[in-house]
Structure formats: structure tokens, C-alpha cells
């Protein structure tokens, strides 16, 4: 039971869940041509940086990779470059699969949100 709970509360599961929820909501707003609330935009960016930072810190400790001094600012500025670089550096070719999975979830969730907005209309 504890192992299952630990796996559900892992940073990887939270990262993918966060991306799915925010992308579906963002695409839904876009499909309905509604401006998303400012709090949603704030939560989306702050939450994404926080979850990515948690995932990166947990994974780098597991793999004994040194971290940068100000990880939060570094992720805020350069996360689209840092995360793929880190995955390719630590996992080699297998890292490319993780990158493609993330992009697939990102695009798939956006397509789902847009489809939901069309169905609601």
C-alpha cells in the first residue's frame, strides 16, 4: 500500500497530471475563445515551474547529478532547454523517449481540451 501511494504521489505522476489538466483547460478556453482567468495563468506557470523543479531535484538526487545554485530561476528562464538536456545527459537515447512522451501528452491534452470545447458548443 505504501509503495502504491508513494508511486502515485511521485513527482513524475504529478508532472504529467498537471500538464494534462492545465493543457485541457487552456485548450478549452482557447476553443471557446474565452480569455482564461488571471489566476489560472498564474497557477499554470508557477505550478509548472514548481513541479518541474521538484521532479528535477528528486531525479538528480536519485542519479547523483549536481544541481545548479538557483534552480527556480534557472528553470523559469530556460526550462525548455534544461529539461531535454538533462534527460538526454542522464538517460542517453532513452531520454528521447521521455521527451517524446512529454510532448505527446502536451499535444494530446491540448487536442482533448479543444475537442471538449467543440462538443460543449
N, C-alpha and C. Protein backbone atom coordinates (compact mmCIF):
# COMPACT_ATOMS: atom_id res chain seq x y z
N UNK A 1 0.82 -1.20 0.00
CA UNK A 1 0.00 0.00 0.00
C UNK A 1 0.86 1.26 0.00
N UNK A 2 1.91 1.26 0.84
CA UNK A 2 2.78 2.44 0.92
C UNK A 2 3.53 2.66 -0.39
N UNK A 3 3.93 1.56 -1.04
CA UNK A 3 4.63 1.69 -2.32
C UNK A 3 3.72 2.27 -3.38
N UNK A 4 2.46 1.85 -3.39
CA UNK A 4 1.49 2.38 -4.36
C UNK A 4 1.24 3.85 -4.11
N UNK A 5 1.06 4.22 -2.85
CA UNK A 5 0.84 5.62 -2.51
C UNK A 5 2.06 6.47 -2.85
N UNK A 6 3.24 5.94 -2.61
CA UNK A 6 4.47 6.65 -2.95
C UNK A 6 4.59 6.85 -4.46
N UNK A 7 4.19 5.84 -5.22
CA UNK A 7 4.26 5.94 -6.68
C UNK A 7 3.25 6.95 -7.20
N UNK A 8 2.04 6.98 -6.62
CA UNK A 8 1.00 7.92 -7.05
C UNK A 8 1.42 9.35 -6.74
N UNK A 9 2.07 9.56 -5.59
CA UNK A 9 2.49 10.89 -5.17
C UNK A 9 3.87 11.26 -5.70
N UNK A 10 4.37 10.54 -6.67
CA UNK A 10 5.70 10.82 -7.20
C UNK A 10 5.68 12.09 -8.05
N UNK A 11 6.82 12.75 -8.17
CA UNK A 11 6.87 13.96 -8.99
C UNK A 11 6.55 13.71 -10.46
N UNK A 12 6.88 12.54 -10.97
CA UNK A 12 6.60 12.25 -12.38
C UNK A 12 5.11 12.19 -12.64
N UNK A 13 4.38 11.49 -11.78
CA UNK A 13 2.93 11.39 -11.94
C UNK A 13 2.29 12.77 -11.80
N UNK A 14 2.76 13.53 -10.83
CA UNK A 14 2.22 14.88 -10.63
C UNK A 14 2.53 15.78 -11.82
N UNK A 15 3.73 15.68 -12.37
CA UNK A 15 4.09 16.49 -13.53
C UNK A 15 3.18 16.19 -14.72
N UNK A 16 3.00 14.92 -15.04
CA UNK A 16 2.14 14.57 -16.17
C UNK A 16 0.69 14.94 -15.89
N UNK A 17 0.22 14.73 -14.67
CA UNK A 17 -1.16 15.09 -14.33
C UNK A 17 -1.37 16.60 -14.44
N UNK A 18 -0.41 17.36 -13.95
CA UNK A 18 -0.50 18.82 -14.02
C UNK A 18 -0.55 19.29 -15.46
N UNK A 19 0.30 18.72 -16.30
CA UNK A 19 0.32 19.11 -17.72
C UNK A 19 -1.00 18.76 -18.38
N UNK A 20 -1.54 17.61 -18.11
CA UNK A 20 -2.82 17.21 -18.72
C UNK A 20 -3.93 18.16 -18.30
N UNK A 21 -4.05 18.41 -17.01
CA UNK A 21 -5.14 19.28 -16.52
C UNK A 21 -5.01 20.69 -17.08
N UNK A 22 -3.82 21.27 -17.03
CA UNK A 22 -3.67 22.65 -17.48
C UNK A 22 -3.80 22.77 -18.99
N UNK A 23 -3.31 21.79 -19.74
CA UNK A 23 -3.43 21.86 -21.19
C UNK A 23 -4.88 21.68 -21.64
N UNK A 24 -5.61 20.77 -21.00
CA UNK A 24 -7.02 20.59 -21.35
C UNK A 24 -7.78 21.88 -21.07
N UNK A 25 -7.55 22.47 -19.90
CA UNK A 25 -8.24 23.71 -19.55
C UNK A 25 -7.86 24.86 -20.49
N UNK A 26 -6.57 24.99 -20.78
CA UNK A 26 -6.11 26.07 -21.65
C UNK A 26 -6.69 25.92 -23.07
N UNK A 27 -6.67 24.70 -23.59
CA UNK A 27 -7.23 24.48 -24.92
C UNK A 27 -8.75 24.67 -24.93
N UNK A 28 -9.41 24.33 -23.83
CA UNK A 28 -10.85 24.56 -23.73
C UNK A 28 -11.16 26.05 -23.80
N UNK A 29 -10.40 26.84 -23.04
CA UNK A 29 -10.58 28.30 -23.11
C UNK A 29 -10.30 28.82 -24.51
N UNK A 30 -9.25 28.32 -25.13
CA UNK A 30 -8.90 28.76 -26.48
C UNK A 30 -9.99 28.37 -27.48
N UNK A 31 -10.49 27.15 -27.37
CA UNK A 31 -11.54 26.69 -28.28
C UNK A 31 -12.84 27.47 -28.13
N UNK A 32 -13.14 27.89 -26.91
CA UNK A 32 -14.35 28.69 -26.66
C UNK A 32 -14.10 30.17 -26.89
N UNK A 33 -12.87 30.53 -27.22
CA UNK A 33 -12.45 31.92 -27.44
C UNK A 33 -12.75 32.78 -26.22
N UNK A 34 -12.39 32.23 -25.06
CA UNK A 34 -12.56 32.93 -23.79
C UNK A 34 -11.17 33.17 -23.21
N UNK A 35 -10.97 34.34 -22.68
CA UNK A 35 -9.71 34.64 -22.01
C UNK A 35 -9.68 33.90 -20.67
N UNK A 36 -8.65 33.08 -20.43
CA UNK A 36 -8.59 32.38 -19.14
C UNK A 36 -8.41 33.37 -17.99
N UNK A 37 -8.92 33.04 -16.81
CA UNK A 37 -8.74 33.93 -15.66
C UNK A 37 -7.25 34.11 -15.34
N UNK A 38 -6.93 35.25 -14.81
CA UNK A 38 -5.54 35.55 -14.49
C UNK A 38 -4.97 34.57 -13.47
N UNK A 39 -5.79 34.12 -12.53
CA UNK A 39 -5.31 33.18 -11.52
C UNK A 39 -4.95 31.84 -12.15
N UNK A 40 -5.67 31.44 -13.21
CA UNK A 40 -5.35 30.20 -13.92
C UNK A 40 -3.98 30.32 -14.58
N UNK A 41 -3.73 31.44 -15.22
CA UNK A 41 -2.44 31.66 -15.87
C UNK A 41 -1.30 31.65 -14.85
N UNK A 42 -1.53 32.30 -13.73
CA UNK A 42 -0.52 32.32 -12.67
C UNK A 42 -0.25 30.92 -12.13
N UNK A 43 -1.31 30.19 -11.83
CA UNK A 43 -1.15 28.83 -11.29
C UNK A 43 -0.48 27.92 -12.31
N UNK A 44 -0.82 28.10 -13.59
CA UNK A 44 -0.23 27.26 -14.62
C UNK A 44 1.29 27.44 -14.68
N UNK A 45 1.77 28.67 -14.68
CA UNK A 45 3.21 28.89 -14.79
C UNK A 45 3.96 28.60 -13.49
N UNK A 46 3.44 29.07 -12.38
CA UNK A 46 4.10 28.81 -11.10
C UNK A 46 4.07 27.32 -10.79
N UNK A 47 2.93 26.68 -11.03
CA UNK A 47 2.81 25.25 -10.78
C UNK A 47 3.72 24.42 -11.66
N UNK A 48 3.84 24.79 -12.93
CA UNK A 48 4.71 24.05 -13.84
C UNK A 48 6.17 24.15 -13.39
N UNK A 49 6.62 25.33 -13.04
CA UNK A 49 8.00 25.50 -12.58
C UNK A 49 8.22 24.73 -11.29
N UNK A 50 7.25 24.79 -10.37
CA UNK A 50 7.38 24.08 -9.10
C UNK A 50 7.45 22.58 -9.31
N UNK A 51 6.54 22.02 -10.11
CA UNK A 51 6.51 20.58 -10.34
C UNK A 51 7.77 20.14 -11.08
N UNK A 52 8.20 20.90 -12.07
CA UNK A 52 9.43 20.55 -12.78
C UNK A 52 10.64 20.60 -11.85
N UNK A 53 10.69 21.61 -11.01
CA UNK A 53 11.79 21.71 -10.05
C UNK A 53 11.80 20.54 -9.08
N UNK A 54 10.61 20.15 -8.60
CA UNK A 54 10.51 19.00 -7.69
C UNK A 54 10.97 17.73 -8.40
N UNK A 55 10.50 17.54 -9.62
CA UNK A 55 10.89 16.35 -10.38
C UNK A 55 12.39 16.34 -10.62
N UNK A 56 12.94 17.48 -11.06
CA UNK A 56 14.37 17.56 -11.37
C UNK A 56 15.22 17.33 -10.13
N UNK A 57 14.83 17.91 -9.01
CA UNK A 57 15.59 17.73 -7.76
C UNK A 57 15.55 16.27 -7.31
N UNK A 58 14.37 15.66 -7.35
CA UNK A 58 14.23 14.26 -6.95
C UNK A 58 15.03 13.34 -7.86
N UNK A 59 14.92 13.56 -9.17
CA UNK A 59 15.62 12.71 -10.12
C UNK A 59 17.13 12.90 -10.05
N UNK A 60 17.58 14.14 -9.88
CA UNK A 60 19.02 14.37 -9.83
C UNK A 60 19.63 13.80 -8.55
N UNK A 61 18.89 13.80 -7.45
CA UNK A 61 19.39 13.16 -6.23
C UNK A 61 19.49 11.65 -6.43
N UNK A 62 18.50 11.08 -7.10
CA UNK A 62 18.50 9.64 -7.35
C UNK A 62 19.67 9.23 -8.23
N UNK A 63 20.03 10.10 -9.18
CA UNK A 63 21.09 9.79 -10.14
C UNK A 63 22.43 10.43 -9.77
N UNK A 64 22.50 11.10 -8.63
CA UNK A 64 23.73 11.75 -8.13
C UNK A 64 24.30 12.76 -9.13
N UNK A 65 23.42 13.61 -9.65
CA UNK A 65 23.84 14.68 -10.57
C UNK A 65 23.79 15.99 -9.79
N UNK A 66 24.85 16.78 -9.89
CA UNK A 66 24.91 18.05 -9.17
C UNK A 66 23.87 19.03 -9.72
N UNK A 67 23.34 19.85 -8.84
CA UNK A 67 22.32 20.82 -9.21
C UNK A 67 22.93 22.22 -9.30
N UNK A 68 22.25 23.11 -10.00
CA UNK A 68 22.70 24.49 -10.08
C UNK A 68 22.32 25.22 -8.80
N UNK A 69 22.90 26.40 -8.58
CA UNK A 69 22.69 27.13 -7.34
C UNK A 69 21.25 27.62 -7.19
N UNK A 70 20.73 28.32 -8.17
CA UNK A 70 19.38 28.87 -8.10
C UNK A 70 18.49 28.14 -9.11
N UNK A 71 18.04 26.97 -8.73
CA UNK A 71 17.30 26.11 -9.63
C UNK A 71 15.99 26.73 -10.10
N UNK A 72 15.28 27.42 -9.20
CA UNK A 72 14.00 28.02 -9.57
C UNK A 72 14.12 29.04 -10.67
N UNK A 73 15.04 29.97 -10.54
CA UNK A 73 15.24 30.99 -11.56
C UNK A 73 15.74 30.36 -12.86
N UNK A 74 16.63 29.39 -12.72
CA UNK A 74 17.17 28.71 -13.88
C UNK A 74 16.07 28.00 -14.66
N UNK A 75 15.16 27.33 -13.96
CA UNK A 75 14.05 26.67 -14.64
C UNK A 75 13.08 27.67 -15.25
N UNK A 76 12.85 28.78 -14.55
CA UNK A 76 11.93 29.80 -15.06
C UNK A 76 12.42 30.35 -16.39
N UNK A 77 13.71 30.58 -16.49
CA UNK A 77 14.28 31.17 -17.70
C UNK A 77 14.47 30.13 -18.82
N UNK A 78 14.96 28.94 -18.47
CA UNK A 78 15.44 28.04 -19.52
C UNK A 78 14.87 26.63 -19.46
N UNK A 79 13.68 26.42 -18.89
CA UNK A 79 13.17 25.05 -18.76
C UNK A 79 13.02 24.32 -20.09
N UNK A 80 12.65 24.98 -21.21
CA UNK A 80 12.53 24.21 -22.45
C UNK A 80 13.87 23.67 -22.96
N UNK A 81 14.97 24.25 -22.50
CA UNK A 81 16.29 23.77 -22.90
C UNK A 81 16.87 22.85 -21.82
N UNK A 82 16.67 23.21 -20.56
CA UNK A 82 17.27 22.48 -19.45
C UNK A 82 16.72 21.06 -19.34
N UNK A 83 15.42 20.91 -19.40
CA UNK A 83 14.82 19.59 -19.20
C UNK A 83 15.22 18.58 -20.29
N UNK A 84 15.13 18.91 -21.57
CA UNK A 84 15.60 17.94 -22.57
C UNK A 84 17.10 17.64 -22.45
N UNK A 85 17.90 18.67 -22.16
CA UNK A 85 19.33 18.45 -21.99
C UNK A 85 19.60 17.49 -20.83
N UNK A 86 18.92 17.71 -19.72
CA UNK A 86 19.10 16.85 -18.55
C UNK A 86 18.69 15.41 -18.87
N UNK A 87 17.55 15.24 -19.54
CA UNK A 87 17.09 13.89 -19.88
C UNK A 87 18.05 13.18 -20.83
N UNK A 88 18.55 13.90 -21.82
CA UNK A 88 19.50 13.29 -22.75
C UNK A 88 20.84 13.00 -22.08
N UNK A 89 21.26 13.85 -21.17
CA UNK A 89 22.54 13.66 -20.47
C UNK A 89 22.47 12.47 -19.52
N UNK A 90 21.37 12.33 -18.80
CA UNK A 90 21.28 11.27 -17.79
C UNK A 90 20.78 9.94 -18.35
N UNK A 91 20.02 9.96 -19.43
CA UNK A 91 19.41 8.73 -19.92
C UNK A 91 19.83 8.34 -21.34
N UNK A 92 20.63 9.17 -21.98
CA UNK A 92 21.08 8.94 -23.35
C UNK A 92 19.89 8.82 -24.30
N UNK A 93 19.84 7.77 -25.11
CA UNK A 93 18.78 7.62 -26.11
C UNK A 93 17.42 7.40 -25.46
N UNK A 94 17.39 6.78 -24.29
CA UNK A 94 16.12 6.56 -23.59
C UNK A 94 15.49 7.91 -23.18
N UNK A 95 16.31 8.92 -22.98
CA UNK A 95 15.81 10.25 -22.65
C UNK A 95 14.96 10.83 -23.76
N UNK A 96 15.28 10.47 -24.99
CA UNK A 96 14.49 10.94 -26.13
C UNK A 96 13.06 10.41 -26.05
N UNK A 97 12.90 9.19 -25.56
CA UNK A 97 11.56 8.63 -25.38
C UNK A 97 10.78 9.41 -24.34
N UNK A 98 11.44 9.83 -23.27
CA UNK A 98 10.78 10.63 -22.25
C UNK A 98 10.35 11.99 -22.82
N UNK A 99 11.21 12.58 -23.63
CA UNK A 99 10.88 13.87 -24.25
C UNK A 99 9.68 13.71 -25.19
N UNK A 100 9.70 12.67 -26.01
CA UNK A 100 8.58 12.44 -26.93
C UNK A 100 7.29 12.14 -26.17
N UNK A 101 7.39 11.41 -25.06
CA UNK A 101 6.19 11.14 -24.25
C UNK A 101 5.63 12.43 -23.68
N UNK A 102 6.48 13.33 -23.20
CA UNK A 102 6.02 14.59 -22.66
C UNK A 102 5.36 15.44 -23.74
N UNK A 103 5.98 15.51 -24.89
CA UNK A 103 5.40 16.28 -26.00
C UNK A 103 4.08 15.66 -26.43
N UNK A 104 4.01 14.33 -26.46
CA UNK A 104 2.76 13.66 -26.82
C UNK A 104 1.64 13.95 -25.83
N UNK A 105 1.96 13.92 -24.55
CA UNK A 105 0.96 14.24 -23.52
C UNK A 105 0.53 15.69 -23.64
N UNK A 106 1.48 16.58 -23.87
CA UNK A 106 1.21 18.01 -24.00
C UNK A 106 0.26 18.27 -25.16
N UNK A 107 0.58 17.72 -26.32
CA UNK A 107 -0.24 17.93 -27.52
C UNK A 107 -1.57 17.18 -27.42
N UNK A 108 -1.53 15.96 -26.92
CA UNK A 108 -2.76 15.17 -26.78
C UNK A 108 -3.76 15.82 -25.83
N UNK A 109 -3.28 16.36 -24.72
CA UNK A 109 -4.17 17.02 -23.77
C UNK A 109 -4.76 18.29 -24.38
N UNK A 110 -3.95 19.01 -25.15
CA UNK A 110 -4.47 20.21 -25.82
C UNK A 110 -5.54 19.83 -26.84
N UNK A 111 -5.32 18.75 -27.58
CA UNK A 111 -6.32 18.30 -28.55
C UNK A 111 -7.61 17.86 -27.84
N UNK A 112 -7.47 17.19 -26.70
CA UNK A 112 -8.64 16.79 -25.93
C UNK A 112 -9.43 18.00 -25.43
N UNK A 113 -8.72 19.00 -24.92
CA UNK A 113 -9.39 20.22 -24.46
C UNK A 113 -10.10 20.94 -25.58
N UNK A 114 -9.48 21.01 -26.74
CA UNK A 114 -10.12 21.66 -27.88
C UNK A 114 -11.34 20.87 -28.33
N UNK A 115 -11.23 19.53 -28.34
CA UNK A 115 -12.37 18.70 -28.72
C UNK A 115 -13.52 18.88 -27.72
N UNK A 116 -13.22 18.97 -26.45
CA UNK A 116 -14.26 19.21 -25.45
C UNK A 116 -14.95 20.56 -25.66
N UNK A 117 -14.17 21.56 -26.03
CA UNK A 117 -14.76 22.88 -26.26
C UNK A 117 -15.69 22.86 -27.46
N UNK A 118 -15.36 22.06 -28.47
CA UNK A 118 -16.23 21.94 -29.65
C UNK A 118 -17.49 21.18 -29.29
N UNK A 119 -17.36 20.14 -28.48
CA UNK A 119 -18.54 19.36 -28.07
C UNK A 119 -19.47 20.15 -27.20
N UNK A 120 -18.94 21.01 -26.35
CA UNK A 120 -19.79 21.83 -25.49
C UNK A 120 -20.53 22.88 -26.29
N UNK A 121 -19.88 23.40 -27.32
CA UNK A 121 -20.51 24.42 -28.15
C UNK A 121 -21.59 23.77 -28.96
